[in-house]
Amino acid sequence: MIAMSDRAGAPDSLDLNRVRADFPILRQTVHGKPLCFLDSAASAQKPQVVIDTVSKLYETGYANIHRGIYKLSQDATEAYEGVREQVRDLINAEHAKECIFLRGATEGINLVAQSWGRAFLREGDEIILTEIEHHSNIVPWQMLRDEKGLQIKVAPVGDDGALDMDAFAALLSPRTRLVAMVHVSNAIGTIMPVEKIIELAHAAGAKVLIDGCQAVPHMPVDVRALDADFYVFSGHKIYGPTGIGVLYGKAELLDAMPPWQGGGDMISTVTFEKTTYNELPQKFEAGTPNIAGGIGLGAAIDYVRSIGFEAIAGHETALLDYATEKLRGISQLRIIGTAPEKGAILSFVVDDIHPHDIGTILDREGVAVRTGHHCAQPAMERFGVTATVRASFAIYNDFNDVDRLVAAIRKALEIFE
C-alpha cells in the first residue's frame, strides 16, 4: 500500500456513528430489514453534504461556466475551478491544469487511447495489461490495436491474485510503449505494486496509465511520487456524484496530445478555414461540463479528507480482516483473490449455489452485494469461475454489516441444502 504522508492529514480513528449518520440512505429499510450496503466498489453512497451541495447549486447558484460575465456565472466558474485545485492537492499533481474533468475514469482511458495512442503508437508497438483489468482498461486498447496493428501482452497473476512480477518484467521489451494497469482490482481487491511497475516500465522506455478508481477513495495517492504518466479515477467511487471523473496526465504529455473531441470551450479561435485550440485543461473539455457533478466532487473530497486516509485505511482494513476470518469459517465458501496486499473487497463463490442466487437471498435479508463478472471477465476466466459474489466495504460499514453478510450466506446454505 502507498505509504502515508503528512499531506493525507488524519485523525487517529474513525467516528463510525458520526459517519453513518452522514449517509441518509442508510436509514432506510429493504424488504423490512435495515439496509446493509456492501457494493461501494461499484458506486459509493453519498453523504448529506454532497447531496446538499448539489441541491444548493441548482437552487441558488447554477449558471453555465467559463462564458458569462454576470455574477452567477462567475461564481459558478470559481466554484468549479476551485475543485480542480482540490483534485490537484488530493493526488499531489504539480499543476491544476494536469487534472482533466471528464465523465469518469472510462472516458479518461478512452481519451488517452484515442489522443495519445493514435498520435504516438505505431504498428507493432506493444501494450501490457494484466489478467485482472476492468473491461474499461481492456476494450479501448483492443480498439486501438485493431486500428493500428498493435500488440497487447497480458501479465499474469498468481493463484492468490497477486501480480507475477517476474513474468511482468519479462514482458517488457524495446517495443513496449504503454503499461495500462489497475491500482486496486475491482474484482478481487489486489493492490498492485504500482511504484515498482512504473519504475520498471519507465526503465524500458514505456509510459504508464494507472486506473485508480478503487484506490483514490481508500488511500492517499501521490502521482508525483509514483511518477505516473496518466492516472484516472471516478467521482462516484469517492462519495461524489456520477458523471464526473478525472484524468491526470503529465503536462508535457497532455500538451503534445491532440484534442479528442471538438466543440465549445476547447477552442481559442474558429474560422471555416482553421481552428486553434485552447490551453490545458480546456483543450480536452469540449462542451458544457457536469457543473453540479464537479462541484459535488469537491464536497466529497472535503468530506473524505475531513475523516482522513489513516482513519479510513485503518477502519477498512479491520473490516476486511474480520470479514475474511468469518467467511473462511464457512467450509462451502471459497474466497477468490487472497493476495497479501488487498483493498477492502471480498469476492467469493459458494459450492453448488450460483452467485446470483446467493445475491438474491442476501437482498431479501437487506444485504446489498454485487454478483456477476464485475466487468472483469478475463479475471473470472483466470480463476475458473463465471461469476462471484462481491462484498466491498467503505467508511460507513461496521462489523454488524459483516455479521449480517455471514448470517445471510448461512441462510442461503440452509435453503439450498
Protein backbone atom coordinates (compact mmCIF):
# COMPACT_ATOMS: atom_id res chain seq x y z
CA MET A 1 0.00 0.00 0.00
CA ILE A 2 1.16 3.56 -0.63
CA ALA A 3 2.90 4.98 2.39
CA MET A 4 1.01 7.55 4.42
CA SER A 5 2.20 11.12 4.15
CA ASP A 6 1.71 14.34 6.07
CA ARG A 7 -0.37 15.51 3.14
CA ALA A 8 -3.00 12.92 4.00
CA GLY A 9 -3.60 14.53 7.45
CA ALA A 10 -5.79 12.19 9.50
CA PRO A 11 -7.49 11.78 12.86
CA ASP A 12 -6.35 8.78 14.89
CA SER A 13 -9.61 6.89 14.43
CA LEU A 14 -12.88 6.98 12.59
CA ASP A 15 -16.04 8.13 14.43
CA LEU A 16 -18.26 5.48 12.89
CA ASN A 17 -21.52 6.63 14.45
CA ARG A 18 -20.98 10.13 13.06
CA VAL A 19 -20.01 8.80 9.65
CA ARG A 20 -23.03 6.52 9.36
CA ALA A 21 -25.31 9.39 10.36
CA ASP A 22 -23.89 11.40 7.45
CA PHE A 23 -25.38 8.98 4.90
CA PRO A 24 -29.17 9.31 4.82
CA ILE A 25 -29.70 6.25 2.61
CA LEU A 26 -28.54 4.00 5.45
CA ARG A 27 -31.64 4.96 7.45
CA GLN A 28 -33.97 3.11 5.10
CA THR A 29 -35.13 -0.48 5.12
CA VAL A 30 -35.10 -3.03 2.29
CA HIS A 31 -37.62 -5.89 2.43
CA GLY A 32 -38.30 -4.81 6.01
CA LYS A 33 -34.64 -5.05 7.03
CA PRO A 34 -32.19 -2.19 7.67
CA LEU A 35 -30.08 -1.58 4.58
CA CYS A 36 -26.65 -3.20 4.72
CA PHE A 37 -24.84 -1.74 1.72
CA LEU A 38 -21.81 -3.74 0.59
CA ASP A 39 -21.45 -2.61 -3.04
CA SER A 40 -19.35 0.54 -2.73
CA ALA A 41 -16.79 -0.77 -5.23
CA ALA A 42 -19.50 -0.32 -7.87
CA SER A 43 -20.61 3.08 -6.61
CA ALA A 44 -20.39 4.57 -3.14
CA GLN A 45 -23.32 6.16 -1.32
CA LYS A 46 -23.41 9.94 -0.88
CA PRO A 47 -23.06 11.88 2.37
CA GLN A 48 -25.60 14.61 3.14
CA VAL A 49 -23.03 17.33 2.47
CA VAL A 50 -22.65 16.19 -1.15
CA ILE A 51 -26.41 15.96 -1.63
CA ASP A 52 -26.86 19.41 -0.12
CA THR A 53 -24.06 20.94 -2.19
CA VAL A 54 -25.57 19.74 -5.47
CA SER A 55 -29.08 20.74 -4.42
CA LYS A 56 -27.97 24.21 -3.27
CA LEU A 57 -26.18 24.82 -6.55
CA TYR A 58 -29.34 24.11 -8.54
CA GLU A 59 -31.49 26.10 -6.11
CA THR A 60 -29.36 29.25 -5.78
CA GLY A 61 -26.16 29.20 -7.81
CA TYR A 62 -26.48 27.45 -11.15
CA ALA A 63 -25.20 29.02 -14.35
CA ASN A 64 -23.05 27.88 -17.23
CA ILE A 65 -19.37 28.40 -16.58
CA HIS A 66 -16.33 29.93 -18.30
CA ARG A 67 -18.51 32.12 -20.53
CA GLY A 68 -20.73 34.52 -18.61
CA ILE A 69 -19.65 37.94 -17.37
CA TYR A 70 -22.52 38.07 -14.89
CA LYS A 71 -22.00 37.22 -11.22
CA LEU A 72 -23.88 33.92 -11.18
CA SER A 73 -21.72 32.54 -13.96
CA GLN A 74 -18.53 33.90 -12.45
CA ASP A 75 -19.35 32.40 -9.05
CA ALA A 76 -20.14 29.00 -10.58
CA THR A 77 -16.91 29.14 -12.59
CA GLU A 78 -14.90 29.97 -9.50
CA ALA A 79 -16.50 27.09 -7.56
CA TYR A 80 -15.96 24.60 -10.39
CA GLU A 81 -12.33 25.59 -10.99
CA GLY A 82 -11.73 25.54 -7.26
CA VAL A 83 -12.48 21.82 -7.33
CA ARG A 84 -9.71 21.38 -9.88
CA GLU A 85 -7.29 22.73 -7.29
CA GLN A 86 -8.78 20.36 -4.70
CA VAL A 87 -8.14 17.44 -7.06
CA ARG A 88 -4.60 18.66 -7.72
CA ASP A 89 -3.94 18.70 -3.98
CA LEU A 90 -5.66 15.36 -3.38
CA ILE A 91 -3.38 13.49 -5.78
CA ASN A 92 -0.42 15.90 -5.47
CA ALA A 93 -0.25 16.83 -9.13
CA GLU A 94 2.20 19.60 -9.92
CA HIS A 95 -0.32 21.76 -11.80
CA ALA A 96 -4.12 22.03 -11.67
CA LYS A 97 -4.12 22.10 -15.49
CA GLU A 98 -2.91 18.47 -15.42
CA CYS A 99 -6.29 17.44 -13.99
CA ILE A 100 -8.83 16.99 -16.79
CA PHE A 101 -12.52 16.75 -15.85
CA LEU A 102 -14.46 14.10 -17.76
CA ARG A 103 -17.49 11.85 -17.27
CA GLY A 104 -15.43 9.26 -15.42
CA ALA A 105 -12.38 7.02 -15.49
CA THR A 106 -13.68 5.15 -18.54
CA GLU A 107 -13.73 8.33 -20.58
CA GLY A 108 -10.26 9.18 -19.29
CA ILE A 109 -8.83 5.89 -20.55
CA ASN A 110 -10.57 6.32 -23.89
CA LEU A 111 -9.18 9.85 -24.19
CA VAL A 112 -5.63 8.60 -23.68
CA ALA A 113 -6.18 5.78 -26.18
CA GLN A 114 -7.75 7.97 -28.84
CA SER A 115 -5.50 11.01 -28.42
CA TRP A 116 -2.10 9.88 -27.13
CA GLY A 117 -2.40 6.37 -28.57
CA ARG A 118 -3.45 7.43 -32.05
CA ALA A 119 -0.79 10.13 -32.19
CA PHE A 120 2.20 8.25 -30.81
CA LEU A 121 1.71 4.50 -31.25
CA ARG A 122 2.77 2.71 -34.42
CA GLU A 123 2.21 -0.71 -35.94
CA GLY A 124 4.00 -3.39 -33.94
CA ASP A 125 4.15 -1.34 -30.74
CA GLU A 126 3.20 -3.23 -27.59
CA ILE A 127 0.82 -2.51 -24.72
CA ILE A 128 0.96 -4.51 -21.49
CA LEU A 129 -2.20 -5.14 -19.45
CA THR A 130 -2.89 -7.62 -16.64
CA GLU A 131 -5.28 -10.53 -16.23
CA ILE A 132 -7.40 -8.65 -13.70
CA GLU A 133 -8.19 -5.42 -15.55
CA HIS A 134 -11.63 -3.88 -15.71
CA HIS A 135 -13.15 -4.01 -19.20
CA SER A 136 -12.72 -0.24 -19.49
CA ASN A 137 -8.96 -0.78 -19.36
CA ILE A 138 -9.06 -3.54 -21.96
CA VAL A 139 -11.55 -2.63 -24.68
CA PRO A 140 -10.15 0.83 -25.61
CA TRP A 141 -6.72 -0.74 -26.17
CA GLN A 142 -8.20 -3.56 -28.26
CA MET A 143 -9.98 -0.99 -30.42
CA LEU A 144 -6.69 0.86 -30.89
CA ARG A 145 -4.84 -2.41 -31.53
CA ASP A 146 -7.23 -3.32 -34.32
CA GLU A 147 -6.96 0.13 -35.86
CA LYS A 148 -3.18 0.49 -35.73
CA GLY A 149 -1.80 -3.04 -35.72
CA LEU A 150 -0.55 -3.01 -32.13
CA GLN A 151 0.16 -6.00 -29.90
CA ILE A 152 -1.36 -6.50 -26.46
CA LYS A 153 0.51 -8.58 -23.92
CA VAL A 154 -1.09 -9.76 -20.68
CA ALA A 155 0.82 -10.02 -17.42
CA PRO A 156 -0.38 -12.96 -15.32
CA VAL A 157 -1.37 -13.08 -11.68
CA GLY A 158 -0.76 -15.96 -9.31
CA ASP A 159 -3.38 -18.17 -7.72
CA ASP A 160 -3.69 -15.62 -4.91
CA GLY A 161 -4.34 -12.80 -7.38
CA ALA A 162 -1.00 -11.03 -6.88
CA LEU A 163 0.84 -9.86 -9.98
CA ASP A 164 3.66 -12.16 -11.11
CA MET A 165 6.39 -9.51 -11.14
CA ASP A 166 8.97 -11.74 -12.83
CA ALA A 167 6.54 -12.50 -15.64
CA PHE A 168 5.64 -8.82 -15.96
CA ALA A 169 9.29 -7.80 -16.17
CA ALA A 170 9.88 -10.46 -18.83
CA LEU A 171 7.11 -8.99 -21.00
CA LEU A 172 8.82 -5.60 -21.20
CA SER A 173 10.68 -5.12 -24.45
CA PRO A 174 12.05 -2.32 -26.65
CA ARG A 175 8.65 -2.33 -28.39
CA THR A 176 6.70 -1.73 -25.16
CA ARG A 177 5.15 1.72 -25.39
CA LEU A 178 2.48 1.59 -22.69
CA VAL A 179 1.66 -0.27 -19.50
CA ALA A 180 -2.00 0.19 -18.50
CA MET A 181 -2.82 -1.31 -15.14
CA VAL A 182 -5.29 -1.19 -12.30
CA HIS A 183 -4.09 0.19 -8.95
CA VAL A 184 -6.56 -1.87 -6.90
CA SER A 185 -8.57 -4.64 -8.58
CA ASN A 186 -12.31 -4.03 -8.53
CA ALA A 187 -12.94 -7.76 -8.95
CA ILE A 188 -10.71 -9.32 -6.27
CA GLY A 189 -9.15 -6.42 -4.35
CA THR A 190 -5.48 -6.97 -5.19
CA ILE A 191 -3.35 -3.88 -4.57
CA MET A 192 -0.77 -3.70 -7.33
CA PRO A 193 2.85 -2.69 -6.57
CA VAL A 194 2.44 0.33 -8.83
CA GLU A 195 5.62 2.09 -7.72
CA LYS A 196 7.79 -0.82 -8.88
CA ILE A 197 5.69 -1.36 -12.00
CA ILE A 198 6.13 2.26 -13.06
CA GLU A 199 9.86 2.14 -12.34
CA LEU A 200 10.34 -0.96 -14.50
CA ALA A 201 8.15 0.37 -17.30
CA HIS A 202 9.98 3.68 -17.43
CA ALA A 203 13.32 1.89 -17.49
CA ALA A 204 12.06 0.11 -20.62
CA GLY A 205 11.01 3.41 -22.19
CA ALA A 206 7.25 2.89 -21.74
CA LYS A 207 4.57 5.24 -20.44
CA VAL A 208 2.20 4.10 -17.68
CA LEU A 209 -1.53 4.62 -17.17
CA ILE A 210 -2.97 3.65 -13.78
CA ASP A 211 -6.68 3.02 -13.17
CA GLY A 212 -7.12 4.38 -9.65
CA CYS A 213 -10.89 4.03 -9.22
CA GLN A 214 -10.59 1.65 -6.26
CA ALA A 215 -7.55 3.39 -4.76
CA VAL A 216 -8.37 7.09 -4.51
CA PRO A 217 -11.34 6.66 -2.09
CA HIS A 218 -9.35 4.47 0.27
CA MET A 219 -5.71 5.55 0.44
CA PRO A 220 -3.52 8.59 -0.25
CA VAL A 221 -2.33 8.75 -3.85
CA ASP A 222 0.66 10.86 -4.86
CA VAL A 223 1.03 10.87 -8.63
CA ARG A 224 4.37 12.67 -8.50
CA ALA A 225 5.85 10.20 -6.01
CA LEU A 226 4.56 7.36 -8.19
CA ASP A 227 5.83 9.14 -11.32
CA ALA A 228 2.64 8.06 -13.10
CA ASP A 229 2.25 9.38 -16.64
CA PHE A 230 -1.55 9.07 -16.57
CA TYR A 231 -3.87 8.33 -13.64
CA VAL A 232 -7.68 8.11 -13.76
CA PHE A 233 -10.44 7.92 -11.18
CA SER A 234 -14.22 8.43 -10.95
CA GLY A 235 -16.06 10.78 -8.61
CA HIS A 236 -18.89 8.39 -7.74
CA LYS A 237 -16.46 5.96 -6.10
CA ILE A 238 -15.22 8.65 -3.71
CA TYR A 239 -18.73 9.50 -2.45
CA GLY A 240 -19.31 12.14 -5.14
CA PRO A 241 -21.87 12.37 -7.96
CA THR A 242 -21.92 10.21 -11.05
CA GLY A 243 -20.88 11.63 -14.40
CA ILE A 244 -17.68 13.28 -13.16
CA GLY A 245 -14.16 11.89 -13.17
CA VAL A 246 -10.55 12.89 -13.54
CA LEU A 247 -7.74 12.16 -15.93
CA TYR A 248 -4.38 13.24 -14.58
CA GLY A 249 -1.61 13.48 -17.14
CA LYS A 250 1.85 14.97 -17.04
CA ALA A 251 1.68 18.42 -18.58
CA GLU A 252 4.27 17.70 -21.25
CA LEU A 253 2.27 14.67 -22.42
CA LEU A 254 -1.07 16.46 -22.43
CA ASP A 255 0.43 19.43 -24.26
CA ALA A 256 1.71 17.13 -27.01
CA MET A 257 -1.61 15.30 -27.41
CA PRO A 258 -4.19 16.44 -29.99
CA PRO A 259 -7.75 17.19 -28.84
CA TRP A 260 -10.05 14.21 -28.79
CA GLN A 261 -13.44 15.95 -29.11
CA GLY A 262 -14.35 19.24 -30.73
CA GLY A 263 -16.79 21.86 -29.52
CA GLY A 264 -17.21 24.79 -27.21
CA ASP A 265 -14.60 25.73 -24.62
CA MET A 266 -11.81 23.62 -26.15
CA ILE A 267 -11.14 26.24 -28.81
CA SER A 268 -9.25 29.50 -28.88
CA THR A 269 -10.37 30.75 -32.29
CA VAL A 270 -12.57 29.29 -35.03
CA THR A 271 -12.91 30.16 -38.67
CA PHE A 272 -14.11 27.96 -41.50
CA GLU A 273 -10.51 27.74 -42.63
CA LYS A 274 -8.82 26.92 -39.31
CA THR A 275 -9.35 26.31 -35.61
CA THR A 276 -6.79 26.95 -32.89
CA TYR A 277 -7.17 25.06 -29.64
CA ASN A 278 -7.36 26.22 -26.06
CA GLU A 279 -4.72 25.66 -23.41
CA LEU A 280 -4.84 22.88 -20.83
CA PRO A 281 -7.10 21.73 -19.32
CA GLN A 282 -9.84 23.17 -21.55
CA LYS A 283 -8.29 21.57 -24.64
CA PHE A 284 -9.78 18.26 -23.52
CA GLU A 285 -13.06 19.54 -22.06
CA ALA A 286 -15.36 20.15 -25.01
CA GLY A 287 -18.90 21.32 -24.33
CA THR A 288 -20.79 22.23 -21.19
CA PRO A 289 -19.38 20.08 -18.39
CA ASN A 290 -21.12 18.38 -15.48
CA ILE A 291 -21.04 21.55 -13.39
CA ALA A 292 -23.03 20.21 -10.45
CA GLY A 293 -21.10 16.94 -10.56
CA GLY A 294 -17.79 18.77 -10.41
CA ILE A 295 -18.83 20.97 -7.50
CA GLY A 296 -20.31 17.92 -5.77
CA LEU A 297 -17.00 16.14 -6.22
CA GLY A 298 -15.34 18.99 -4.37
CA ALA A 299 -17.69 18.48 -1.44
CA ALA A 300 -16.92 14.75 -1.47
CA ILE A 301 -13.17 15.37 -1.43
CA ASP A 302 -13.55 17.75 1.50
CA TYR A 303 -15.64 15.14 3.31
CA VAL A 304 -13.16 12.31 2.82
CA ARG A 305 -10.22 14.47 3.85
CA SER A 306 -12.05 15.62 6.97
CA ILE A 307 -12.07 11.97 8.06
CA GLY A 308 -8.51 11.30 6.91
CA PHE A 309 -6.95 8.46 4.98
CA GLU A 310 -5.21 7.00 8.01
CA ALA A 311 -8.54 6.57 9.77
CA ILE A 312 -10.22 5.28 6.60
CA ALA A 313 -7.49 2.73 5.89
CA GLY A 314 -7.41 1.53 9.49
CA HIS A 315 -11.16 1.06 9.62
CA GLU A 316 -11.47 -0.67 6.26
CA THR A 317 -8.51 -2.96 6.95
CA ALA A 318 -10.11 -4.02 10.23
CA LEU A 319 -13.37 -4.76 8.41
CA LEU A 320 -11.57 -6.75 5.72
CA ASP A 321 -9.64 -8.81 8.27
CA TYR A 322 -12.77 -9.53 10.30
CA ALA A 323 -14.83 -10.44 7.23
CA THR A 324 -12.06 -12.64 5.81
CA GLU A 325 -11.86 -14.59 9.07
CA LYS A 326 -15.64 -15.02 9.24
CA LEU A 327 -16.00 -16.13 5.63
CA ARG A 328 -13.15 -18.60 5.98
CA GLY A 329 -15.23 -20.23 8.69
CA ILE A 330 -17.80 -21.30 6.08
CA SER A 331 -16.45 -24.55 4.64
CA GLN A 332 -18.53 -24.37 1.47
CA LEU A 333 -17.21 -20.92 0.59
CA ARG A 334 -14.05 -20.08 -1.38
CA ILE A 335 -12.57 -16.59 -1.46
CA ILE A 336 -11.28 -15.54 -4.89
CA GLY A 337 -8.24 -13.32 -4.50
CA THR A 338 -6.08 -13.71 -1.42
CA ALA A 339 -3.09 -11.51 -2.27
CA PRO A 340 -1.07 -10.27 0.73
CA GLU A 341 -1.91 -6.66 -0.17
CA LYS A 342 -5.65 -6.16 -0.65
CA GLY A 343 -8.22 -3.42 -0.66
CA ALA A 344 -11.48 -3.80 1.23
CA ILE A 345 -13.06 -6.15 -1.32
CA LEU A 346 -14.05 -9.78 -0.80
CA SER A 347 -15.01 -11.84 -3.83
CA PHE A 348 -16.21 -15.39 -3.26
CA VAL A 349 -18.12 -18.39 -4.56
CA VAL A 350 -20.21 -20.94 -2.64
CA ASP A 351 -20.30 -24.62 -3.55
CA ASP A 352 -23.22 -25.59 -5.80
CA ILE A 353 -25.01 -22.23 -5.49
CA HIS A 354 -24.92 -19.71 -8.30
CA PRO A 355 -23.71 -16.25 -7.21
CA HIS A 356 -26.96 -14.69 -8.49
CA ASP A 357 -28.96 -16.98 -6.20
CA ILE A 358 -26.75 -16.00 -3.27
CA GLY A 359 -27.22 -12.34 -4.14
CA THR A 360 -31.00 -12.71 -4.34
CA ILE A 361 -31.21 -14.31 -0.91
CA LEU A 362 -28.87 -11.70 0.58
CA ASP A 363 -31.06 -8.96 -0.87
CA ARG A 364 -34.11 -10.40 0.92
CA GLU A 365 -32.08 -10.02 4.12
CA GLY A 366 -31.37 -6.37 3.33
CA VAL A 367 -27.75 -7.07 2.32
CA ALA A 368 -26.74 -5.44 -0.96
CA VAL A 369 -23.79 -7.11 -2.73
CA ARG A 370 -22.69 -7.31 -6.34
CA THR A 371 -22.87 -10.59 -8.26
CA GLY A 372 -21.56 -11.39 -11.71
CA HIS A 373 -18.27 -10.89 -13.51
CA HIS A 374 -17.79 -7.28 -12.28
CA CYS A 375 -16.80 -6.07 -15.76
CA ALA A 376 -13.70 -8.25 -15.43
CA GLN A 377 -14.44 -11.39 -17.41
CA PRO A 378 -10.76 -12.25 -18.04
CA ALA A 379 -10.23 -12.23 -14.28
CA MET A 380 -13.12 -14.65 -13.83
CA GLU A 381 -11.65 -16.90 -16.51
CA ARG A 382 -8.25 -16.81 -14.77
CA PHE A 383 -9.80 -18.23 -11.60
CA GLY A 384 -12.03 -20.74 -13.33
CA VAL A 385 -15.36 -19.16 -12.42
CA THR A 386 -18.06 -17.42 -14.44
CA ALA A 387 -19.09 -15.09 -11.63
CA THR A 388 -18.56 -14.30 -7.97
CA VAL A 389 -20.34 -12.64 -5.10
CA ARG A 390 -18.51 -9.44 -4.19
CA ALA A 391 -18.80 -7.63 -0.87
CA SER A 392 -16.98 -4.30 -0.82
CA PHE A 393 -16.55 -2.14 2.26
CA ALA A 394 -16.48 1.62 2.76
CA ILE A 395 -16.20 4.15 5.56
CA TYR A 396 -19.85 3.72 6.58
CA ASN A 397 -19.73 -0.06 7.08
CA ASP A 398 -19.37 -1.68 10.50
CA PHE A 399 -18.79 -5.11 11.99
CA ASN A 400 -22.54 -5.67 12.23
CA ASP A 401 -22.67 -5.43 8.44
CA VAL A 402 -20.15 -8.28 8.26
CA ASP A 403 -22.16 -10.36 10.71
CA ARG A 404 -25.31 -9.80 8.67
CA LEU A 405 -23.48 -10.83 5.49
CA VAL A 406 -22.29 -14.06 7.12
CA ALA A 407 -25.72 -14.82 8.58
CA ALA A 408 -27.37 -14.29 5.18
CA ILE A 409 -24.86 -16.61 3.48
CA ARG A 410 -25.59 -19.30 6.07
CA LYS A 411 -29.31 -18.84 5.44
CA ALA A 412 -28.70 -19.37 1.72
CA LEU A 413 -26.84 -22.58 2.51
CA GLU A 414 -29.78 -23.81 4.58
CA ILE A 415 -32.20 -23.03 1.74
CA PHE A 416 -30.12 -24.97 -0.79
CA GLU A 417 -29.44 -27.99 1.41
